[in-house]
mmCIF file of all heavy atoms, coordinates in Angstrom:
data_MODEL
# 
_entry.id   MODEL 
# 
loop_
_atom_site.group_PDB 
_atom_site.id 
_atom_site.type_symbol 
_atom_site.label_atom_id 
_atom_site.label_alt_id 
_atom_site.label_comp_id 
_atom_site.label_asym_id 
_atom_site.label_entity_id 
_atom_site.label_seq_id 
_atom_site.pdbx_PDB_ins_code 
_atom_site.Cartn_x 
_atom_site.Cartn_y 
_atom_site.Cartn_z 
_atom_site.occupancy 
_atom_site.B_iso_or_equiv 
_atom_site.pdbx_formal_charge 
_atom_site.auth_seq_id 
_atom_site.auth_comp_id 
_atom_site.auth_asym_id 
_atom_site.auth_atom_id 
_atom_site.pdbx_PDB_model_num 
ATOM 1   N N   . THR A 1 1  ? 10.457  7.859  -3.869  1.00 0.00 ? 1  THR A N   1 
ATOM 2   C CA  . THR A 1 1  ? 11.800  7.985  -4.436  1.00 0.00 ? 1  THR A CA  1 
ATOM 3   C C   . THR A 1 1  ? 12.428  6.656  -4.831  1.00 0.00 ? 1  THR A C   1 
ATOM 4   O O   . THR A 1 1  ? 13.401  6.631  -5.588  1.00 0.00 ? 1  THR A O   1 
ATOM 5   C CB  . THR A 1 1  ? 12.733  8.685  -3.434  1.00 0.00 ? 1  THR A CB  1 
ATOM 6   O OG1 . THR A 1 1  ? 12.752  7.952  -2.205  1.00 0.00 ? 1  THR A OG1 1 
ATOM 7   C CG2 . THR A 1 1  ? 12.243  10.108 -3.157  1.00 0.00 ? 1  THR A CG2 1 
ATOM 8   N N   . ASP A 1 2  ? 11.911  5.555  -4.321  1.00 0.00 ? 2  ASP A N   1 
ATOM 9   C CA  . ASP A 1 2  ? 12.469  4.243  -4.638  1.00 0.00 ? 2  ASP A CA  1 
ATOM 10  C C   . ASP A 1 2  ? 11.339  3.226  -4.580  1.00 0.00 ? 2  ASP A C   1 
ATOM 11  O O   . ASP A 1 2  ? 10.297  3.475  -3.962  1.00 0.00 ? 2  ASP A O   1 
ATOM 12  C CB  . ASP A 1 2  ? 13.582  3.862  -3.662  1.00 0.00 ? 2  ASP A CB  1 
ATOM 13  C CG  . ASP A 1 2  ? 14.495  2.781  -4.228  1.00 0.00 ? 2  ASP A CG  1 
ATOM 14  O OD1 . ASP A 1 2  ? 14.251  2.357  -5.375  1.00 0.00 ? 2  ASP A OD1 1 
ATOM 15  O OD2 . ASP A 1 2  ? 15.435  2.368  -3.531  1.00 0.00 ? 2  ASP A OD2 1 
ATOM 16  N N   . LYS A 1 3  ? 11.532  2.078  -5.230  1.00 0.00 ? 3  LYS A N   1 
ATOM 17  C CA  . LYS A 1 3  ? 10.451  1.098  -5.347  1.00 0.00 ? 3  LYS A CA  1 
ATOM 18  C C   . LYS A 1 3  ? 10.868  -0.239 -4.757  1.00 0.00 ? 3  LYS A C   1 
ATOM 19  O O   . LYS A 1 3  ? 11.933  -0.766 -5.097  1.00 0.00 ? 3  LYS A O   1 
ATOM 20  C CB  . LYS A 1 3  ? 10.070  0.896  -6.821  1.00 0.00 ? 3  LYS A CB  1 
ATOM 21  C CG  . LYS A 1 3  ? 9.829   2.181  -7.597  1.00 0.00 ? 3  LYS A CG  1 
ATOM 22  C CD  . LYS A 1 3  ? 8.722   3.023  -7.022  1.00 0.00 ? 3  LYS A CD  1 
ATOM 23  C CE  . LYS A 1 3  ? 8.526   4.315  -7.811  1.00 0.00 ? 3  LYS A CE  1 
ATOM 24  N NZ  . LYS A 1 3  ? 7.546   5.215  -7.167  1.00 0.00 ? 3  LYS A NZ  1 
ATOM 25  N N   . PRO A 1 4  ? 10.022  -0.826 -3.894  1.00 0.00 ? 4  PRO A N   1 
ATOM 26  C CA  . PRO A 1 4  ? 10.315  -2.174 -3.370  1.00 0.00 ? 4  PRO A CA  1 
ATOM 27  C C   . PRO A 1 4  ? 9.877   -3.239 -4.364  1.00 0.00 ? 4  PRO A C   1 
ATOM 28  O O   . PRO A 1 4  ? 9.177   -2.957 -5.344  1.00 0.00 ? 4  PRO A O   1 
ATOM 29  C CB  . PRO A 1 4  ? 9.466   -2.223 -2.094  1.00 0.00 ? 4  PRO A CB  1 
ATOM 30  C CG  . PRO A 1 4  ? 8.290   -1.352 -2.413  1.00 0.00 ? 4  PRO A CG  1 
ATOM 31  C CD  . PRO A 1 4  ? 8.810   -0.247 -3.290  1.00 0.00 ? 4  PRO A CD  1 
ATOM 32  N N   . ASP A 1 5  ? 10.300  -4.464 -4.106  1.00 0.00 ? 5  ASP A N   1 
ATOM 33  C CA  . ASP A 1 5  ? 9.852   -5.602 -4.913  1.00 0.00 ? 5  ASP A CA  1 
ATOM 34  C C   . ASP A 1 5  ? 8.570   -6.211 -4.357  1.00 0.00 ? 5  ASP A C   1 
ATOM 35  O O   . ASP A 1 5  ? 7.703   -6.644 -5.121  1.00 0.00 ? 5  ASP A O   1 
ATOM 36  C CB  . ASP A 1 5  ? 10.951  -6.672 -4.956  1.00 0.00 ? 5  ASP A CB  1 
ATOM 37  C CG  . ASP A 1 5  ? 12.252  -6.143 -5.519  1.00 0.00 ? 5  ASP A CG  1 
ATOM 38  O OD1 . ASP A 1 5  ? 12.222  -5.499 -6.580  1.00 0.00 ? 5  ASP A OD1 1 
ATOM 39  O OD2 . ASP A 1 5  ? 13.300  -6.371 -4.887  1.00 0.00 ? 5  ASP A OD2 1 
ATOM 40  N N   . ILE A 1 6  ? 8.471   -6.259 -3.033  1.00 0.00 ? 6  ILE A N   1 
ATOM 41  C CA  . ILE A 1 6  ? 7.322   -6.853 -2.349  1.00 0.00 ? 6  ILE A CA  1 
ATOM 42  C C   . ILE A 1 6  ? 6.827   -5.878 -1.281  1.00 0.00 ? 6  ILE A C   1 
ATOM 43  O O   . ILE A 1 6  ? 7.628   -5.239 -0.600  1.00 0.00 ? 6  ILE A O   1 
ATOM 44  C CB  . ILE A 1 6  ? 7.693   -8.197 -1.676  1.00 0.00 ? 6  ILE A CB  1 
ATOM 45  C CG1 . ILE A 1 6  ? 8.167   -9.218 -2.722  1.00 0.00 ? 6  ILE A CG1 1 
ATOM 46  C CG2 . ILE A 1 6  ? 6.524   -8.753 -0.877  1.00 0.00 ? 6  ILE A CG2 1 
ATOM 47  C CD1 . ILE A 1 6  ? 7.079   -9.733 -3.640  1.00 0.00 ? 6  ILE A CD1 1 
ATOM 48  N N   . ILE A 1 7  ? 5.492   -5.778 -1.133  1.00 0.00 ? 7  ILE A N   1 
ATOM 49  C CA  . ILE A 1 7  ? 4.879   -4.981 -0.065  1.00 0.00 ? 7  ILE A CA  1 
ATOM 50  C C   . ILE A 1 7  ? 3.991   -5.911 0.751   1.00 0.00 ? 7  ILE A C   1 
ATOM 51  O O   . ILE A 1 7  ? 3.074   -6.533 0.206   1.00 0.00 ? 7  ILE A O   1 
ATOM 52  C CB  . ILE A 1 7  ? 4.054   -3.808 -0.621  1.00 0.00 ? 7  ILE A CB  1 
ATOM 53  C CG1 . ILE A 1 7  ? 4.935   -2.873 -1.449  1.00 0.00 ? 7  ILE A CG1 1 
ATOM 54  C CG2 . ILE A 1 7  ? 3.393   -3.033 0.526   1.00 0.00 ? 7  ILE A CG2 1 
ATOM 55  C CD1 . ILE A 1 7  ? 4.162   -1.749 -2.137  1.00 0.00 ? 7  ILE A CD1 1 
ATOM 56  N N   . VAL A 1 8  ? 4.306   -6.041 2.040   1.00 0.00 ? 8  VAL A N   1 
ATOM 57  C CA  . VAL A 1 8  ? 3.454   -6.799 2.960   1.00 0.00 ? 8  VAL A CA  1 
ATOM 58  C C   . VAL A 1 8  ? 2.513   -5.780 3.603   1.00 0.00 ? 8  VAL A C   1 
ATOM 59  O O   . VAL A 1 8  ? 2.944   -4.936 4.391   1.00 0.00 ? 8  VAL A O   1 
ATOM 60  C CB  . VAL A 1 8  ? 4.287   -7.546 4.016   1.00 0.00 ? 8  VAL A CB  1 
ATOM 61  C CG1 . VAL A 1 8  ? 3.374   -8.326 4.953   1.00 0.00 ? 8  VAL A CG1 1 
ATOM 62  C CG2 . VAL A 1 8  ? 5.293   -8.480 3.338   1.00 0.00 ? 8  VAL A CG2 1 
ATOM 63  N N   . LEU A 1 9  ? 1.230   -5.871 3.262   1.00 0.00 ? 9  LEU A N   1 
ATOM 64  C CA  . LEU A 1 9  ? 0.273   -4.808 3.593   1.00 0.00 ? 9  LEU A CA  1 
ATOM 65  C C   . LEU A 1 9  ? -0.801  -5.323 4.548   1.00 0.00 ? 9  LEU A C   1 
ATOM 66  O O   . LEU A 1 9  ? -1.532  -6.267 4.222   1.00 0.00 ? 9  LEU A O   1 
ATOM 67  C CB  . LEU A 1 9  ? -0.368  -4.295 2.302   1.00 0.00 ? 9  LEU A CB  1 
ATOM 68  C CG  . LEU A 1 9  ? -1.342  -3.120 2.406   1.00 0.00 ? 9  LEU A CG  1 
ATOM 69  C CD1 . LEU A 1 9  ? -0.657  -1.885 2.982   1.00 0.00 ? 9  LEU A CD1 1 
ATOM 70  C CD2 . LEU A 1 9  ? -1.947  -2.816 1.027   1.00 0.00 ? 9  LEU A CD2 1 
ATOM 71  N N   . ASP A 1 10 ? -0.878  -4.682 5.718   1.00 0.00 ? 10 ASP A N   1 
ATOM 72  C CA  . ASP A 1 10 ? -1.948  -4.984 6.670   1.00 0.00 ? 10 ASP A CA  1 
ATOM 73  C C   . ASP A 1 10 ? -3.264  -4.412 6.142   1.00 0.00 ? 10 ASP A C   1 
ATOM 74  O O   . ASP A 1 10 ? -3.269  -3.477 5.321   1.00 0.00 ? 10 ASP A O   1 
ATOM 75  C CB  . ASP A 1 10 ? -1.600  -4.389 8.040   1.00 0.00 ? 10 ASP A CB  1 
ATOM 76  C CG  . ASP A 1 10 ? -2.564  -4.845 9.125   1.00 0.00 ? 10 ASP A CG  1 
ATOM 77  O OD1 . ASP A 1 10 ? -3.263  -5.856 8.921   1.00 0.00 ? 10 ASP A OD1 1 
ATOM 78  O OD2 . ASP A 1 10 ? -2.600  -4.178 10.179  1.00 0.00 ? 10 ASP A OD2 1 
ATOM 79  N N   . ILE A 1 11 ? -4.365  -4.959 6.614   1.00 0.00 ? 11 ILE A N   1 
ATOM 80  C CA  . ILE A 1 11 ? -5.676  -4.493 6.147   1.00 0.00 ? 11 ILE A CA  1 
ATOM 81  C C   . ILE A 1 11 ? -6.222  -3.402 7.056   1.00 0.00 ? 11 ILE A C   1 
ATOM 82  O O   . ILE A 1 11 ? -6.562  -2.300 6.602   1.00 0.00 ? 11 ILE A O   1 
ATOM 83  C CB  . ILE A 1 11 ? -6.664  -5.676 6.047   1.00 0.00 ? 11 ILE A CB  1 
ATOM 84  C CG1 . ILE A 1 11 ? -6.245  -6.604 4.899   1.00 0.00 ? 11 ILE A CG1 1 
ATOM 85  C CG2 . ILE A 1 11 ? -8.093  -5.163 5.825   1.00 0.00 ? 11 ILE A CG2 1 
ATOM 86  C CD1 . ILE A 1 11 ? -7.132  -7.824 4.743   1.00 0.00 ? 11 ILE A CD1 1 
ATOM 87  N N   . GLU A 1 12 ? -6.317  -3.679 8.344   1.00 0.00 ? 12 GLU A N   1 
ATOM 88  C CA  . GLU A 1 12 ? -6.912  -2.727 9.281   1.00 0.00 ? 12 GLU A CA  1 
ATOM 89  C C   . GLU A 1 12 ? -5.833  -1.833 9.887   1.00 0.00 ? 12 GLU A C   1 
ATOM 90  O O   . GLU A 1 12 ? -5.006  -2.293 10.692  1.00 0.00 ? 12 GLU A O   1 
ATOM 91  C CB  . GLU A 1 12 ? -7.664  -3.479 10.379  1.00 0.00 ? 12 GLU A CB  1 
ATOM 92  C CG  . GLU A 1 12 ? -8.873  -4.237 9.855   1.00 0.00 ? 12 GLU A CG  1 
ATOM 93  C CD  . GLU A 1 12 ? -9.614  -4.951 10.972  1.00 0.00 ? 12 GLU A CD  1 
ATOM 94  O OE1 . GLU A 1 12 ? -8.981  -5.267 12.001  1.00 0.00 ? 12 GLU A OE1 1 
ATOM 95  O OE2 . GLU A 1 12 ? -10.808 -5.199 10.822  1.00 0.00 ? 12 GLU A OE2 1 
ATOM 96  N N   . MET A 1 13 ? -5.821  -0.566 9.482   1.00 0.00 ? 13 MET A N   1 
ATOM 97  C CA  . MET A 1 13 ? -4.853  0.410  9.983   1.00 0.00 ? 13 MET A CA  1 
ATOM 98  C C   . MET A 1 13 ? -5.548  1.761  10.105  1.00 0.00 ? 13 MET A C   1 
ATOM 99  O O   . MET A 1 13 ? -6.444  2.076  9.300   1.00 0.00 ? 13 MET A O   1 
ATOM 100 C CB  . MET A 1 13 ? -3.650  0.527  9.023   1.00 0.00 ? 13 MET A CB  1 
ATOM 101 C CG  . MET A 1 13 ? -2.803  -0.718 8.924   1.00 0.00 ? 13 MET A CG  1 
ATOM 102 S SD  . MET A 1 13 ? -1.433  -0.528 7.724   1.00 0.00 ? 13 MET A SD  1 
ATOM 103 C CE  . MET A 1 13 ? -2.356  -0.456 6.182   1.00 0.00 ? 13 MET A CE  1 
ATOM 104 N N   . PRO A 1 14 ? -5.165  2.561  11.082  1.00 0.00 ? 14 PRO A N   1 
ATOM 105 C CA  . PRO A 1 14 ? -5.749  3.908  11.200  1.00 0.00 ? 14 PRO A CA  1 
ATOM 106 C C   . PRO A 1 14 ? -5.216  4.824  10.099  1.00 0.00 ? 14 PRO A C   1 
ATOM 107 O O   . PRO A 1 14 ? -4.161  4.582  9.517   1.00 0.00 ? 14 PRO A O   1 
ATOM 108 C CB  . PRO A 1 14 ? -5.279  4.367  12.584  1.00 0.00 ? 14 PRO A CB  1 
ATOM 109 C CG  . PRO A 1 14 ? -4.016  3.617  12.819  1.00 0.00 ? 14 PRO A CG  1 
ATOM 110 C CD  . PRO A 1 14 ? -4.187  2.292  12.151  1.00 0.00 ? 14 PRO A CD  1 
ATOM 111 N N   . GLY A 1 15 ? -5.961  5.877  9.831   1.00 0.00 ? 15 GLY A N   1 
ATOM 112 C CA  . GLY A 1 15 ? -5.559  6.813  8.791   1.00 0.00 ? 15 GLY A CA  1 
ATOM 113 C C   . GLY A 1 15 ? -5.970  6.310  7.423   1.00 0.00 ? 15 GLY A C   1 
ATOM 114 O O   . GLY A 1 15 ? -7.070  6.599  6.949   1.00 0.00 ? 15 GLY A O   1 
ATOM 115 N N   . MET A 1 16 ? -5.122  5.552  6.772   1.00 0.00 ? 16 MET A N   1 
ATOM 116 C CA  . MET A 1 16 ? -5.447  4.924  5.486   1.00 0.00 ? 16 MET A CA  1 
ATOM 117 C C   . MET A 1 16 ? -5.250  3.429  5.617   1.00 0.00 ? 16 MET A C   1 
ATOM 118 O O   . MET A 1 16 ? -4.136  2.959  5.849   1.00 0.00 ? 16 MET A O   1 
ATOM 119 C CB  . MET A 1 16 ? -4.564  5.480  4.361   1.00 0.00 ? 16 MET A CB  1 
ATOM 120 C CG  . MET A 1 16 ? -4.884  4.901  2.978   1.00 0.00 ? 16 MET A CG  1 
ATOM 121 S SD  . MET A 1 16 ? -3.755  5.464  1.667   1.00 0.00 ? 16 MET A SD  1 
ATOM 122 C CE  . MET A 1 16 ? -4.257  7.181  1.531   1.00 0.00 ? 16 MET A CE  1 
ATOM 123 N N   . ASP A 1 17 ? -6.322  2.664  5.480   1.00 0.00 ? 17 ASP A N   1 
ATOM 124 C CA  . ASP A 1 17 ? -6.230  1.211  5.641   1.00 0.00 ? 17 ASP A CA  1 
ATOM 125 C C   . ASP A 1 17 ? -5.674  0.563  4.380   1.00 0.00 ? 17 ASP A C   1 
ATOM 126 O O   . ASP A 1 17 ? -5.403  1.217  3.370   1.00 0.00 ? 17 ASP A O   1 
ATOM 127 C CB  . ASP A 1 17 ? -7.590  0.620  6.017   1.00 0.00 ? 17 ASP A CB  1 
ATOM 128 C CG  . ASP A 1 17 ? -8.657  0.869  4.962   1.00 0.00 ? 17 ASP A CG  1 
ATOM 129 O OD1 . ASP A 1 17 ? -8.300  1.129  3.794   1.00 0.00 ? 17 ASP A OD1 1 
ATOM 130 O OD2 . ASP A 1 17 ? -9.861  0.809  5.294   1.00 0.00 ? 17 ASP A OD2 1 
ATOM 131 N N   . GLY A 1 18 ? -5.497  -0.764 4.477   1.00 0.00 ? 18 GLY A N   1 
ATOM 132 C CA  . GLY A 1 18 ? -4.874  -1.471 3.370   1.00 0.00 ? 18 GLY A CA  1 
ATOM 133 C C   . GLY A 1 18 ? -5.688  -1.500 2.097   1.00 0.00 ? 18 GLY A C   1 
ATOM 134 O O   . GLY A 1 18 ? -5.120  -1.396 0.997   1.00 0.00 ? 18 GLY A O   1 
ATOM 135 N N   . ILE A 1 19 ? -7.019  -1.620 2.196   1.00 0.00 ? 19 ILE A N   1 
ATOM 136 C CA  . ILE A 1 19 ? -7.865  -1.670 1.007   1.00 0.00 ? 19 ILE A CA  1 
ATOM 137 C C   . ILE A 1 19 ? -7.829  -0.332 0.264   1.00 0.00 ? 19 ILE A C   1 
ATOM 138 O O   . ILE A 1 19 ? -7.792  -0.291 -0.971  1.00 0.00 ? 19 ILE A O   1 
ATOM 139 C CB  . ILE A 1 19 ? -9.299  -2.051 1.396   1.00 0.00 ? 19 ILE A CB  1 
ATOM 140 C CG1 . ILE A 1 19 ? -9.334  -3.505 1.886   1.00 0.00 ? 19 ILE A CG1 1 
ATOM 141 C CG2 . ILE A 1 19 ? -10.240 -1.888 0.217   1.00 0.00 ? 19 ILE A CG2 1 
ATOM 142 C CD1 . ILE A 1 19 ? -8.928  -4.524 0.852   1.00 0.00 ? 19 ILE A CD1 1 
ATOM 143 N N   . THR A 1 20 ? -7.816  0.755  1.010   1.00 0.00 ? 20 THR A N   1 
ATOM 144 C CA  . THR A 1 20 ? -7.739  2.076  0.378   1.00 0.00 ? 20 THR A CA  1 
ATOM 145 C C   . THR A 1 20 ? -6.377  2.297  -0.258  1.00 0.00 ? 20 THR A C   1 
ATOM 146 O O   . THR A 1 20 ? -6.263  2.872  -1.353  1.00 0.00 ? 20 THR A O   1 
ATOM 147 C CB  . THR A 1 20 ? -8.019  3.183  1.408   1.00 0.00 ? 20 THR A CB  1 
ATOM 148 O OG1 . THR A 1 20 ? -9.287  2.939  2.031   1.00 0.00 ? 20 THR A OG1 1 
ATOM 149 C CG2 . THR A 1 20 ? -8.023  4.554  0.753   1.00 0.00 ? 20 THR A CG2 1 
ATOM 150 N N   . ALA A 1 21 ? -5.315  1.846  0.415   1.00 0.00 ? 21 ALA A N   1 
ATOM 151 C CA  . ALA A 1 21 ? -3.958  2.073  -0.091  1.00 0.00 ? 21 ALA A CA  1 
ATOM 152 C C   . ALA A 1 21 ? -3.590  1.150  -1.247  1.00 0.00 ? 21 ALA A C   1 
ATOM 153 O O   . ALA A 1 21 ? -2.713  1.499  -2.055  1.00 0.00 ? 21 ALA A O   1 
ATOM 154 C CB  . ALA A 1 21 ? -2.952  1.880  1.045   1.00 0.00 ? 21 ALA A CB  1 
ATOM 155 N N   . LEU A 1 22 ? -4.254  -0.008 -1.350  1.00 0.00 ? 22 LEU A N   1 
ATOM 156 C CA  . LEU A 1 22 ? -3.872  -1.018 -2.339  1.00 0.00 ? 22 LEU A CA  1 
ATOM 157 C C   . LEU A 1 22 ? -3.831  -0.472 -3.768  1.00 0.00 ? 22 LEU A C   1 
ATOM 158 O O   . LEU A 1 22 ? -2.782  -0.578 -4.439  1.00 0.00 ? 22 LEU A O   1 
ATOM 159 C CB  . LEU A 1 22 ? -4.800  -2.223 -2.232  1.00 0.00 ? 22 LEU A CB  1 
ATOM 160 C CG  . LEU A 1 22 ? -4.620  -3.322 -3.296  1.00 0.00 ? 22 LEU A CG  1 
ATOM 161 C CD1 . LEU A 1 22 ? -3.220  -3.900 -3.246  1.00 0.00 ? 22 LEU A CD1 1 
ATOM 162 C CD2 . LEU A 1 22 ? -5.671  -4.418 -3.093  1.00 0.00 ? 22 LEU A CD2 1 
ATOM 163 N N   . PRO A 1 23 ? -4.907  0.103  -4.312  1.00 0.00 ? 23 PRO A N   1 
ATOM 164 C CA  . PRO A 1 23 ? -4.826  0.588  -5.701  1.00 0.00 ? 23 PRO A CA  1 
ATOM 165 C C   . PRO A 1 23 ? -3.832  1.741  -5.878  1.00 0.00 ? 23 PRO A C   1 
ATOM 166 O O   . PRO A 1 23 ? -3.215  1.870  -6.948  1.00 0.00 ? 23 PRO A O   1 
ATOM 167 C CB  . PRO A 1 23 ? -6.268  1.031  -6.006  1.00 0.00 ? 23 PRO A CB  1 
ATOM 168 C CG  . PRO A 1 23 ? -6.891  1.270  -4.678  1.00 0.00 ? 23 PRO A CG  1 
ATOM 169 C CD  . PRO A 1 23 ? -6.245  0.307  -3.745  1.00 0.00 ? 23 PRO A CD  1 
ATOM 170 N N   . LEU A 1 24 ? -3.669  2.564  -4.832  1.00 0.00 ? 24 LEU A N   1 
ATOM 171 C CA  . LEU A 1 24 ? -2.718  3.674  -4.921  1.00 0.00 ? 24 LEU A CA  1 
ATOM 172 C C   . LEU A 1 24 ? -1.277  3.157  -4.965  1.00 0.00 ? 24 LEU A C   1 
ATOM 173 O O   . LEU A 1 24 ? -0.436  3.685  -5.712  1.00 0.00 ? 24 LEU A O   1 
ATOM 174 C CB  . LEU A 1 24 ? -2.908  4.620  -3.736  1.00 0.00 ? 24 LEU A CB  1 
ATOM 175 C CG  . LEU A 1 24 ? -4.308  5.241  -3.587  1.00 0.00 ? 24 LEU A CG  1 
ATOM 176 C CD1 . LEU A 1 24 ? -4.392  6.089  -2.329  1.00 0.00 ? 24 LEU A CD1 1 
ATOM 177 C CD2 . LEU A 1 24 ? -4.669  6.058  -4.823  1.00 0.00 ? 24 LEU A CD2 1 
ATOM 178 N N   . LEU A 1 25 ? -0.984  2.128  -4.173  1.00 0.00 ? 25 LEU A N   1 
ATOM 179 C CA  . LEU A 1 25 ? 0.354   1.542  -4.187  1.00 0.00 ? 25 LEU A CA  1 
ATOM 180 C C   . LEU A 1 25 ? 0.632   0.825  -5.508  1.00 0.00 ? 25 LEU A C   1 
ATOM 181 O O   . LEU A 1 25 ? 1.759   0.883  -6.031  1.00 0.00 ? 25 LEU A O   1 
ATOM 182 C CB  . LEU A 1 25 ? 0.514   0.579  -3.014  1.00 0.00 ? 25 LEU A CB  1 
ATOM 183 C CG  . LEU A 1 25 ? 0.627   1.217  -1.630  1.00 0.00 ? 25 LEU A CG  1 
ATOM 184 C CD1 . LEU A 1 25 ? 0.543   0.153  -0.534  1.00 0.00 ? 25 LEU A CD1 1 
ATOM 185 C CD2 . LEU A 1 25 ? 1.930   2.000  -1.501  1.00 0.00 ? 25 LEU A CD2 1 
ATOM 186 N N   . LEU A 1 26 ? -0.377  0.182  -6.062  1.00 0.00 ? 26 LEU A N   1 
ATOM 187 C CA  . LEU A 1 26 ? -0.201  -0.491 -7.351  1.00 0.00 ? 26 LEU A CA  1 
ATOM 188 C C   . LEU A 1 26 ? 0.058   0.529  -8.455  1.00 0.00 ? 26 LEU A C   1 
ATOM 189 O O   . LEU A 1 26 ? 0.816   0.258  -9.393  1.00 0.00 ? 26 LEU A O   1 
ATOM 190 C CB  . LEU A 1 26 ? -1.435  -1.328 -7.681  1.00 0.00 ? 26 LEU A CB  1 
ATOM 191 C CG  . LEU A 1 26 ? -1.622  -2.606 -6.857  1.00 0.00 ? 26 LEU A CG  1 
ATOM 192 C CD1 . LEU A 1 26 ? -2.963  -3.249 -7.166  1.00 0.00 ? 26 LEU A CD1 1 
ATOM 193 C CD2 . LEU A 1 26 ? -0.492  -3.586 -7.130  1.00 0.00 ? 26 LEU A CD2 1 
ATOM 194 N N   . ARG A 1 27 ? -0.545  1.701  -8.331  1.00 0.00 ? 27 ARG A N   1 
ATOM 195 C CA  . ARG A 1 27 ? -0.307  2.745  -9.317  1.00 0.00 ? 27 ARG A CA  1 
ATOM 196 C C   . ARG A 1 27 ? 1.091   3.350  -9.145  1.00 0.00 ? 27 ARG A C   1 
ATOM 197 O O   . ARG A 1 27 ? 1.766   3.661  -10.129 1.00 0.00 ? 27 ARG A O   1 
ATOM 198 C CB  . ARG A 1 27 ? -1.379  3.830  -9.165  1.00 0.00 ? 27 ARG A CB  1 
ATOM 199 C CG  . ARG A 1 27 ? -1.519  4.738  -10.390 1.00 0.00 ? 27 ARG A CG  1 
ATOM 200 C CD  . ARG A 1 27 ? -2.696  5.682  -10.217 1.00 0.00 ? 27 ARG A CD  1 
ATOM 201 N NE  . ARG A 1 27 ? -3.916  4.943  -9.950  1.00 0.00 ? 27 ARG A NE  1 
ATOM 202 C CZ  . ARG A 1 27 ? -4.796  5.267  -8.996  1.00 0.00 ? 27 ARG A CZ  1 
ATOM 203 N NH1 . ARG A 1 27 ? -4.579  6.306  -8.206  1.00 0.00 ? 27 ARG A NH1 1 
ATOM 204 N NH2 . ARG A 1 27 ? -5.895  4.551  -8.828  1.00 0.00 ? 27 ARG A NH2 1 
ATOM 205 N N   . ALA A 1 28 ? 1.527   3.499  -7.885  1.00 0.00 ? 28 ALA A N   1 
ATOM 206 C CA  . ALA A 1 28 ? 2.852   4.070  -7.628  1.00 0.00 ? 28 ALA A CA  1 
ATOM 207 C C   . ALA A 1 28 ? 3.971   3.067  -7.893  1.00 0.00 ? 28 ALA A C   1 
ATOM 208 O O   . ALA A 1 28 ? 5.068   3.456  -8.295  1.00 0.00 ? 28 ALA A O   1 
ATOM 209 C CB  . ALA A 1 28 ? 2.928   4.577  -6.188  1.00 0.00 ? 28 ALA A CB  1 
ATOM 210 N N   . CYS A 1 29 ? 3.702   1.779  -7.660  1.00 0.00 ? 29 CYS A N   1 
ATOM 211 C CA  . CYS A 1 29 ? 4.713   0.714  -7.852  1.00 0.00 ? 29 CYS A CA  1 
ATOM 212 C C   . CYS A 1 29 ? 4.108   -0.399 -8.706  1.00 0.00 ? 29 CYS A C   1 
ATOM 213 O O   . CYS A 1 29 ? 3.758   -1.466 -8.177  1.00 0.00 ? 29 CYS A O   1 
ATOM 214 C CB  . CYS A 1 29 ? 5.184   0.152  -6.514  1.00 0.00 ? 29 CYS A CB  1 
ATOM 215 S SG  . CYS A 1 29 ? 5.823   1.362  -5.363  1.00 0.00 ? 29 CYS A SG  1 
# 
Protein backbone atom coordinates (compact mmCIF):
# COMPACT_ATOMS: atom_id res chain seq x y z
CA THR A 1 0.00 0.00 0.00
CA ASP A 2 2.96 2.37 0.40
CA LYS A 3 6.57 2.51 -0.78
CA PRO A 4 9.74 3.18 1.26
CA ASP A 5 12.79 5.02 -0.05
CA ILE A 6 15.36 2.60 1.41
CA ILE A 7 15.11 -1.10 2.37
CA VAL A 8 17.72 -2.54 4.73
CA LEU A 9 17.52 -6.25 3.89
CA ASP A 10 19.06 -9.12 5.84
CA ILE A 11 20.29 -12.10 3.85
CA GLU A 12 19.68 -15.13 6.08
CA MET A 13 16.05 -15.24 7.26
CA PRO A 14 13.54 -18.06 7.72
CA GLY A 15 10.61 -18.34 5.35
CA MET A 16 11.83 -16.09 2.53
CA ASP A 17 15.48 -15.03 2.68
CA GLY A 18 16.94 -11.81 1.37
CA ILE A 19 18.22 -13.18 -1.96
CA THR A 20 14.80 -14.60 -2.80
CA ALA A 21 12.99 -11.41 -1.74
CA LEU A 22 15.41 -9.03 -3.50
CA PRO A 23 14.04 -9.24 -7.09
CA LEU A 24 10.45 -9.31 -5.81
CA LEU A 25 10.99 -6.16 -3.74
CA LEU A 26 12.66 -4.42 -6.68
CA ARG A 27 9.63 -5.27 -8.80
CA ALA A 28 7.20 -4.03 -6.12
CA CYS A 29 9.27 -0.89 -5.30
